[in-house]
Amino acid sequence: MKVNMNDFGTGWFGVEVGVKKEEIDQLIKLLSELKEGHFDHFTIANKSETQPSGIENFEIFLIDKRNEDNMQILSGNIQAK
């Protein structure tokens, strides 16, 4: 997996996540288990010991209807609902 952060110089940042083909099934399994309630989050963590700065980790977790979301899933011209 490779994660990059893009500083747009406007106060906004972009995050790119690239995955290897063999990591896709693992992500699907983790997302399915999260959905089923087997755990409340999972973490994707940096494995570099030489990188001086960057993204250390990020968590994937469930939000409920009481929490306001601030992102949406886009795929080309198709918007997930």
PDB file of N, CA and C in Angstrom:
ATOM      1  N   MET A   1       0.853  -1.168   0.000  1.00  0.00           N
ATOM      2  CA  MET A   1       0.000   0.000   0.000  1.00  0.00           C
ATOM      3  C   MET A   1       0.903   1.236   0.000  1.00  0.00           C
ATOM      4  N   LYS A   2       0.469   2.250  -0.693  1.00  0.00           N
ATOM      5  CA  LYS A   2       1.215   3.509  -0.731  1.00  0.00           C
ATOM      6  C   LYS A   2       0.222   4.650  -0.540  1.00  0.00           C
ATOM      7  N   VAL A   3       0.544   5.547   0.399  1.00  0.00           N
ATOM      8  CA  VAL A   3      -0.316   6.682   0.693  1.00  0.00           C
ATOM      9  C   VAL A   3       0.478   7.966   0.482  1.00  0.00           C
ATOM     10  N   ASN A   4      -0.110   8.901  -0.226  1.00  0.00           N
ATOM     11  CA  ASN A   4       0.496  10.213  -0.440  1.00  0.00           C
ATOM     12  C   ASN A   4      -0.468  11.291   0.025  1.00  0.00           C
ATOM     13  N   MET A   5       0.090  12.366   0.536  1.00  0.00           N
ATOM     14  CA  MET A   5      -0.703  13.522   0.925  1.00  0.00           C
ATOM     15  C   MET A   5      -0.312  14.670   0.009  1.00  0.00           C
ATOM     16  N   ASN A   6      -1.296  15.333  -0.558  1.00  0.00           N
ATOM     17  CA  ASN A   6      -1.063  16.462  -1.454  1.00  0.00           C
ATOM     18  C   ASN A   6      -1.519  17.744  -0.780  1.00  0.00           C
ATOM     19  N   ASP A   7      -0.601  18.675  -0.623  1.00  0.00           N
ATOM     20  CA  ASP A   7      -0.922  19.985  -0.055  1.00  0.00           C
ATOM     21  C   ASP A   7      -1.276  20.901  -1.211  1.00  0.00           C
ATOM     22  N   PHE A   8      -2.538  21.305  -1.270  1.00  0.00           N
ATOM     23  CA  PHE A   8      -2.986  22.172  -2.358  1.00  0.00           C
ATOM     24  C   PHE A   8      -2.617  23.633  -2.129  1.00  0.00           C
ATOM     25  N   GLY A   9      -2.016  23.941  -0.967  1.00  0.00           N
ATOM     26  CA  GLY A   9      -1.609  25.310  -0.671  1.00  0.00           C
ATOM     27  C   GLY A   9      -2.773  26.239  -0.384  1.00  0.00           C
ATOM     28  N   THR A  10      -3.943  25.676  -0.103  1.00  0.00           N
ATOM     29  CA  THR A  10      -5.144  26.476   0.139  1.00  0.00           C
ATOM     30  C   THR A  10      -5.732  26.219   1.523  1.00  0.00           C
ATOM     31  N   GLY A  11      -5.039  25.351   2.288  1.00  0.00           N
ATOM     32  CA  GLY A  11      -5.596  24.892   3.548  1.00  0.00           C
ATOM     33  C   GLY A  11      -6.277  23.544   3.401  1.00  0.00           C
ATOM     34  N   TRP A  12      -6.421  23.071   2.175  1.00  0.00           N
ATOM     35  CA  TRP A  12      -7.023  21.783   1.881  1.00  0.00           C
ATOM     36  C   TRP A  12      -5.933  20.802   1.450  1.00  0.00           C
ATOM     37  N   PHE A  13      -6.156  19.531   1.756  1.00  0.00           N
ATOM     38  CA  PHE A  13      -5.194  18.485   1.417  1.00  0.00           C
ATOM     39  C   PHE A  13      -5.910  17.350   0.713  1.00  0.00           C
ATOM     40  N   GLY A  14      -5.203  16.678  -0.153  1.00  0.00           N
ATOM     41  CA  GLY A  14      -5.717  15.468  -0.785  1.00  0.00           C
ATOM     42  C   GLY A  14      -4.941  14.272  -0.272  1.00  0.00           C
ATOM     43  N   VAL A  15      -5.577  13.146  -0.243  1.00  0.00           N
ATOM     44  CA  VAL A  15      -4.921  11.906   0.164  1.00  0.00           C
ATOM     45  C   VAL A  15      -5.141  10.879  -0.941  1.00  0.00           C
ATOM     46  N   GLU A  16      -4.064  10.280  -1.388  1.00  0.00           N
ATOM     47  CA  GLU A  16      -4.121   9.217  -2.390  1.00  0.00           C
ATOM     48  C   GLU A  16      -3.750   7.908  -1.702  1.00  0.00           C
ATOM     49  N   VAL A  17      -4.530   6.881  -1.951  1.00  0.00           N
ATOM     50  CA  VAL A  17      -4.235   5.564  -1.397  1.00  0.00           C
ATOM     51  C   VAL A  17      -4.134   4.582  -2.551  1.00  0.00           C
ATOM     52  N   GLY A  18      -2.956   4.043  -2.742  1.00  0.00           N
ATOM     53  CA  GLY A  18      -2.745   3.025  -3.770  1.00  0.00           C
ATOM     54  C   GLY A  18      -2.624   1.667  -3.104  1.00  0.00           C
ATOM     55  N   VAL A  19      -3.281   0.666  -3.665  1.00  0.00           N
ATOM     56  CA  VAL A  19      -3.232  -0.671  -3.082  1.00  0.00           C
ATOM     57  C   VAL A  19      -2.710  -1.680  -4.094  1.00  0.00           C
ATOM     58  N   LYS A  20      -2.070  -2.712  -3.566  1.00  0.00           N
ATOM     59  CA  LYS A  20      -1.663  -3.836  -4.391  1.00  0.00           C
ATOM     60  C   LYS A  20      -2.880  -4.737  -4.583  1.00  0.00           C
ATOM     61  N   LYS A  21      -2.915  -5.470  -5.673  1.00  0.00           N
ATOM     62  CA  LYS A  21      -4.051  -6.358  -5.938  1.00  0.00           C
ATOM     63  C   LYS A  21      -4.297  -7.306  -4.773  1.00  0.00           C
ATOM     64  N   GLU A  22      -3.217  -7.815  -4.178  1.00  0.00           N
ATOM     65  CA  GLU A  22      -3.381  -8.784  -3.085  1.00  0.00           C
ATOM     66  C   GLU A  22      -3.889  -8.134  -1.796  1.00  0.00           C
ATOM     67  N   GLU A  23      -3.884  -6.813  -1.706  1.00  0.00           N
ATOM     68  CA  GLU A  23      -4.403  -6.121  -0.521  1.00  0.00           C
ATOM     69  C   GLU A  23      -5.911  -5.843  -0.609  1.00  0.00           C
ATOM     70  N   ILE A  24      -6.469  -5.920  -1.793  1.00  0.00           N
ATOM     71  CA  ILE A  24      -7.883  -5.593  -1.977  1.00  0.00           C
ATOM     72  C   ILE A  24      -8.779  -6.545  -1.195  1.00  0.00           C
ATOM     73  N   ASP A  25      -8.515  -7.839  -1.269  1.00  0.00           N
ATOM     74  CA  ASP A  25      -9.344  -8.800  -0.527  1.00  0.00           C
ATOM     75  C   ASP A  25      -9.238  -8.569   0.983  1.00  0.00           C
ATOM     76  N   GLN A  26      -8.058  -8.222   1.464  1.00  0.00           N
ATOM     77  CA  GLN A  26      -7.887  -7.947   2.892  1.00  0.00           C
ATOM     78  C   GLN A  26      -8.715  -6.725   3.306  1.00  0.00           C
ATOM     79  N   LEU A  27      -8.699  -5.672   2.485  1.00  0.00           N
ATOM     80  CA  LEU A  27      -9.510  -4.487   2.782  1.00  0.00           C
ATOM     81  C   LEU A  27     -11.001  -4.802   2.762  1.00  0.00           C
ATOM     82  N   ILE A  28     -11.438  -5.565   1.775  1.00  0.00           N
ATOM     83  CA  ILE A  28     -12.845  -5.952   1.703  1.00  0.00           C
ATOM     84  C   ILE A  28     -13.238  -6.741   2.942  1.00  0.00           C
ATOM     85  N   LYS A  29     -12.382  -7.676   3.374  1.00  0.00           N
ATOM     86  CA  LYS A  29     -12.668  -8.483   4.564  1.00  0.00           C
ATOM     87  C   LYS A  29     -12.765  -7.592   5.802  1.00  0.00           C
ATOM     88  N   LEU A  30     -11.824  -6.662   5.954  1.00  0.00           N
ATOM     89  CA  LEU A  30     -11.853  -5.766   7.111  1.00  0.00           C
ATOM     90  C   LEU A  30     -13.093  -4.877   7.096  1.00  0.00           C
ATOM     91  N   LEU A  31     -13.448  -4.350   5.932  1.00  0.00           N
ATOM     92  CA  LEU A  31     -14.649  -3.523   5.834  1.00  0.00           C
ATOM     93  C   LEU A  31     -15.907  -4.330   6.140  1.00  0.00           C
ATOM     94  N   SER A  32     -15.962  -5.563   5.666  1.00  0.00           N
ATOM     95  CA  SER A  32     -17.112  -6.430   5.945  1.00  0.00           C
ATOM     96  C   SER A  32     -17.220  -6.724   7.437  1.00  0.00           C
ATOM     97  N   GLU A  33     -16.091  -7.019   8.080  1.00  0.00           N
ATOM     98  CA  GLU A  33     -16.098  -7.301   9.508  1.00  0.00           C
ATOM     99  C   GLU A  33     -16.459  -6.064  10.321  1.00  0.00           C
ATOM    100  N   LEU A  34     -16.020  -4.910   9.858  1.00  0.00           N
ATOM    101  CA  LEU A  34     -16.394  -3.653  10.516  1.00  0.00           C
ATOM    102  C   LEU A  34     -17.907  -3.462  10.416  1.00  0.00           C
ATOM    103  N   LYS A  35     -18.452  -3.689   9.240  1.00  0.00           N
ATOM    104  CA  LYS A  35     -19.896  -3.555   9.014  1.00  0.00           C
ATOM    105  C   LYS A  35     -20.693  -4.520   9.887  1.00  0.00           C
ATOM    106  N   GLU A  36     -20.176  -5.733  10.067  1.00  0.00           N
ATOM    107  CA  GLU A  36     -20.855  -6.754  10.867  1.00  0.00           C
ATOM    108  C   GLU A  36     -20.690  -6.541  12.370  1.00  0.00           C
ATOM    109  N   GLY A  37     -19.842  -5.580  12.769  1.00  0.00           N
ATOM    110  CA  GLY A  37     -19.674  -5.273  14.183  1.00  0.00           C
ATOM    111  C   GLY A  37     -18.631  -6.094  14.910  1.00  0.00           C
ATOM    112  N   HIS A  38     -17.733  -6.752  14.188  1.00  0.00           N
ATOM    113  CA  HIS A  38     -16.691  -7.545  14.832  1.00  0.00           C
ATOM    114  C   HIS A  38     -15.683  -6.669  15.585  1.00  0.00           C
ATOM    115  N   PHE A  39     -15.548  -5.430  15.169  1.00  0.00           N
ATOM    116  CA  PHE A  39     -14.703  -4.446  15.850  1.00  0.00           C
ATOM    117  C   PHE A  39     -15.206  -3.068  15.477  1.00  0.00           C
ATOM    118  N   ASP A  40     -14.717  -2.031  16.169  1.00  0.00           N
ATOM    119  CA  ASP A  40     -15.244  -0.681  15.921  1.00  0.00           C
ATOM    120  C   ASP A  40     -14.356   0.164  15.009  1.00  0.00           C
ATOM    121  N   HIS A  41     -13.168  -0.312  14.693  1.00  0.00           N
ATOM    122  CA  HIS A  41     -12.285   0.403  13.761  1.00  0.00           C
ATOM    123  C   HIS A  41     -11.133  -0.513  13.360  1.00  0.00           C
ATOM    124  N   PHE A  42     -10.438  -0.130  12.306  1.00  0.00           N
ATOM    125  CA  PHE A  42      -9.142  -0.734  12.005  1.00  0.00           C
ATOM    126  C   PHE A  42      -8.217   0.367  11.535  1.00  0.00           C
ATOM    127  N   THR A  43      -6.927   0.114  11.671  1.00  0.00           N
ATOM    128  CA  THR A  43      -5.911   1.126  11.396  1.00  0.00           C
ATOM    129  C   THR A  43      -5.034   0.697  10.233  1.00  0.00           C
ATOM    130  N   ILE A  44      -4.713   1.645   9.389  1.00  0.00           N
ATOM    131  CA  ILE A  44      -3.714   1.459   8.343  1.00  0.00           C
ATOM    132  C   ILE A  44      -2.535   2.319   8.759  1.00  0.00           C
ATOM    133  N   ALA A  45      -1.373   1.688   8.945  1.00  0.00           N
ATOM    134  CA  ALA A  45      -0.231   2.373   9.542  1.00  0.00           C
ATOM    135  C   ALA A  45       0.977   2.380   8.607  1.00  0.00           C
ATOM    136  N   ASN A  46       1.783   3.427   8.753  1.00  0.00           N
ATOM    137  CA  ASN A  46       3.020   3.584   8.011  1.00  0.00           C
ATOM    138  C   ASN A  46       4.024   2.536   8.478  1.00  0.00           C
ATOM    139  N   LYS A  47       4.691   1.887   7.546  1.00  0.00           N
ATOM    140  CA  LYS A  47       5.686   0.885   7.917  1.00  0.00           C
ATOM    141  C   LYS A  47       7.116   1.375   7.673  1.00  0.00           C
ATOM    142  N   SER A  48       7.272   2.598   7.187  1.00  0.00           N
ATOM    143  CA  SER A  48       8.597   3.147   6.893  1.00  0.00           C
ATOM    144  C   SER A  48       9.301   3.580   8.169  1.00  0.00           C
ATOM    145  N   GLU A  49      10.535   3.159   8.314  1.00  0.00           N
ATOM    146  CA  GLU A  49      11.342   3.599   9.449  1.00  0.00           C
ATOM    147  C   GLU A  49      12.313   4.700   9.043  1.00  0.00           C
ATOM    148  N   THR A  50      12.353   5.029   7.754  1.00  0.00           N
ATOM    149  CA  THR A  50      13.311   6.024   7.274  1.00  0.00           C
ATOM    150  C   THR A  50      12.652   7.310   6.786  1.00  0.00           C
ATOM    151  N   GLN A  51      11.365   7.282   6.592  1.00  0.00           N
ATOM    152  CA  GLN A  51      10.646   8.459   6.088  1.00  0.00           C
ATOM    153  C   GLN A  51      10.605   9.523   7.182  1.00  0.00           C
ATOM    154  N   PRO A  52      11.108  10.739   6.917  1.00  0.00           N
ATOM    155  CA  PRO A  52      11.181  11.762   7.966  1.00  0.00           C
ATOM    156  C   PRO A  52       9.832  12.375   8.357  1.00  0.00           C
ATOM    157  N   SER A  53       8.862  12.360   7.454  1.00  0.00           N
ATOM    158  CA  SER A  53       7.547  12.916   7.761  1.00  0.00           C
ATOM    159  C   SER A  53       6.530  12.337   6.789  1.00  0.00           C
ATOM    160  N   GLY A  54       5.266  12.551   7.091  1.00  0.00           N
ATOM    161  CA  GLY A  54       4.212  12.054   6.216  1.00  0.00           C
ATOM    162  C   GLY A  54       3.033  11.598   7.042  1.00  0.00           C
ATOM    163  N   ILE A  55       2.264  10.690   6.514  1.00  0.00           N
ATOM    164  CA  ILE A  55       1.087  10.173   7.203  1.00  0.00           C
ATOM    165  C   ILE A  55       1.523   8.978   8.046  1.00  0.00           C
ATOM    166  N   GLU A  56       1.364   9.088   9.349  1.00  0.00           N
ATOM    167  CA  GLU A  56       1.744   8.006  10.267  1.00  0.00           C
ATOM    168  C   GLU A  56       0.731   6.860  10.203  1.00  0.00           C
ATOM    169  N   ASN A  57      -0.561   7.201  10.262  1.00  0.00           N
ATOM    170  CA  ASN A  57      -1.597   6.183  10.191  1.00  0.00           C
ATOM    171  C   ASN A  57      -2.941   6.856   9.956  1.00  0.00           C
ATOM    172  N   PHE A  58      -3.932   6.060   9.618  1.00  0.00           N
ATOM    173  CA  PHE A  58      -5.305   6.542   9.601  1.00  0.00           C
ATOM    174  C   PHE A  58      -6.223   5.393   9.966  1.00  0.00           C
ATOM    175  N   GLU A  59      -7.350   5.751  10.549  1.00  0.00           N
ATOM    176  CA  GLU A  59      -8.308   4.762  11.023  1.00  0.00           C
ATOM    177  C   GLU A  59      -9.565   4.782  10.155  1.00  0.00           C
ATOM    178  N   ILE A  60     -10.121   3.610   9.977  1.00  0.00           N
ATOM    179  CA  ILE A  60     -11.408   3.450   9.328  1.00  0.00           C
ATOM    180  C   ILE A  60     -12.378   3.024  10.427  1.00  0.00           C
ATOM    181  N   PHE A  61     -13.466   3.763  10.600  1.00  0.00           N
ATOM    182  CA  PHE A  61     -14.415   3.460  11.668  1.00  0.00           C
ATOM    183  C   PHE A  61     -15.830   3.761  11.200  1.00  0.00           C
ATOM    184  N   LEU A  62     -16.797   3.223  11.928  1.00  0.00           N
ATOM    185  CA  LEU A  62     -18.205   3.456  11.608  1.00  0.00           C
ATOM    186  C   LEU A  62     -18.683   4.749  12.247  1.00  0.00           C
ATOM    187  N   ILE A  63     -19.461   5.515  11.510  1.00  0.00           N
ATOM    188  CA  ILE A  63     -20.165   6.651  12.094  1.00  0.00           C
ATOM    189  C   ILE A  63     -21.645   6.312  12.028  1.00  0.00           C
ATOM    190  N   ASP A  64     -22.402   6.869  12.941  1.00  0.00           N
ATOM    191  CA  ASP A  64     -23.836   6.610  12.906  1.00  0.00           C
ATOM    192  C   ASP A  64     -24.562   7.839  12.387  1.00  0.00           C
ATOM    193  N   LYS A  65     -25.875   7.736  12.287  1.00  0.00           N
ATOM    194  CA  LYS A  65     -26.673   8.817  11.708  1.00  0.00           C
ATOM    195  C   LYS A  65     -26.628  10.091  12.541  1.00  0.00           C
ATOM    196  N   ARG A  66     -26.196   9.971  13.815  1.00  0.00           N
ATOM    197  CA  ARG A  66     -26.100  11.158  14.665  1.00  0.00           C
ATOM    198  C   ARG A  66     -24.859  11.985  14.341  1.00  0.00           C
ATOM    199  N   ASN A  67     -23.880  11.363  13.675  1.00  0.00           N
ATOM    200  CA  ASN A  67     -22.653  12.066  13.321  1.00  0.00           C
ATOM    201  C   ASN A  67     -22.760  12.609  11.908  1.00  0.00           C
ATOM    202  N   GLU A  68     -22.386  13.843  11.745  1.00  0.00           N
ATOM    203  CA  GLU A  68     -22.410  14.449  10.414  1.00  0.00           C
ATOM    204  C   GLU A  68     -21.185  13.987   9.634  1.00  0.00           C
ATOM    205  N   ASP A  69     -21.416  13.497   8.421  1.00  0.00           N
ATOM    206  CA  ASP A  69     -20.275  13.102   7.600  1.00  0.00           C
ATOM    207  C   ASP A  69     -19.799  14.291   6.772  1.00  0.00           C
ATOM    208  N   ASN A  70     -18.529  14.225   6.327  1.00  0.00           N
ATOM    209  CA  ASN A  70     -17.970  15.341   5.574  1.00  0.00           C
ATOM    210  C   ASN A  70     -17.242  14.893   4.303  1.00  0.00           C
ATOM    211  N   MET A  71     -17.426  13.634   3.919  1.00  0.00           N
ATOM    212  CA  MET A  71     -16.811  13.128   2.698  1.00  0.00           C
ATOM    213  C   MET A  71     -17.842  12.274   1.974  1.00  0.00           C
ATOM    214  N   GLN A  72     -17.595  12.049   0.688  1.00  0.00           N
ATOM    215  CA  GLN A  72     -18.450  11.169  -0.101  1.00  0.00           C
ATOM    216  C   GLN A  72     -17.592  10.296  -0.984  1.00  0.00           C
ATOM    217  N   ILE A  73     -18.121   9.159  -1.359  1.00  0.00           N
ATOM    218  CA  ILE A  73     -17.403   8.246  -2.242  1.00  0.00           C
ATOM    219  C   ILE A  73     -17.760   8.575  -3.677  1.00  0.00           C
ATOM    220  N   LEU A  74     -16.750   8.838  -4.483  1.00  0.00           N
ATOM    221  CA  LEU A  74     -16.935   9.113  -5.907  1.00  0.00           C
ATOM    222  C   LEU A  74     -16.152   8.089  -6.702  1.00  0.00           C
ATOM    223  N   SER A  75     -16.694   7.651  -7.806  1.00  0.00           N
ATOM    224  CA  SER A  75     -16.021   6.721  -8.681  1.00  0.00           C
ATOM    225  C   SER A  75     -16.245   7.178 -10.103  1.00  0.00           C
ATOM    226  N   GLY A  76     -15.290   7.882 -10.657  1.00  0.00           N
ATOM    227  CA  GLY A  76     -15.491   8.446 -11.990  1.00  0.00           C
ATOM    228  C   GLY A  76     -16.651   9.403 -11.958  1.00  0.00           C
ATOM    229  N   ASN A  77     -17.671   9.138 -12.771  1.00  0.00           N
ATOM    230  CA  ASN A  77     -18.870   9.981 -12.800  1.00  0.00           C
ATOM    231  C   ASN A  77     -20.004   9.411 -11.957  1.00  0.00           C
ATOM    232  N   ILE A  78     -19.723   8.317 -11.227  1.00  0.00           N
ATOM    233  CA  ILE A  78     -20.762   7.651 -10.449  1.00  0.00           C
ATOM    234  C   ILE A  78     -20.586   8.011  -8.980  1.00  0.00           C
ATOM    235  N   GLN A  79     -21.641   8.471  -8.368  1.00  0.00           N
ATOM    236  CA  GLN A  79     -21.615   8.862  -6.964  1.00  0.00           C
ATOM    237  C   GLN A  79     -22.287   7.764  -6.138  1.00  0.00           C
ATOM    238  N   ALA A  80     -21.567   7.213  -5.149  1.00  0.00           N
ATOM    239  CA  ALA A  80     -22.153   6.181  -4.281  1.00  0.00           C
ATOM    240  C   ALA A  80     -23.162   6.808  -3.347  1.00  0.00           C
ATOM    241  N   LYS A  81     -24.225   6.077  -3.016  1.00  0.00           N
ATOM    242  CA  LYS A  81     -25.248   6.598  -2.108  1.00  0.00           C
ATOM    243  C   LYS A  81     -25.394   5.708  -0.924  1.00  0.00           C
TER     244      LYS A  81
END
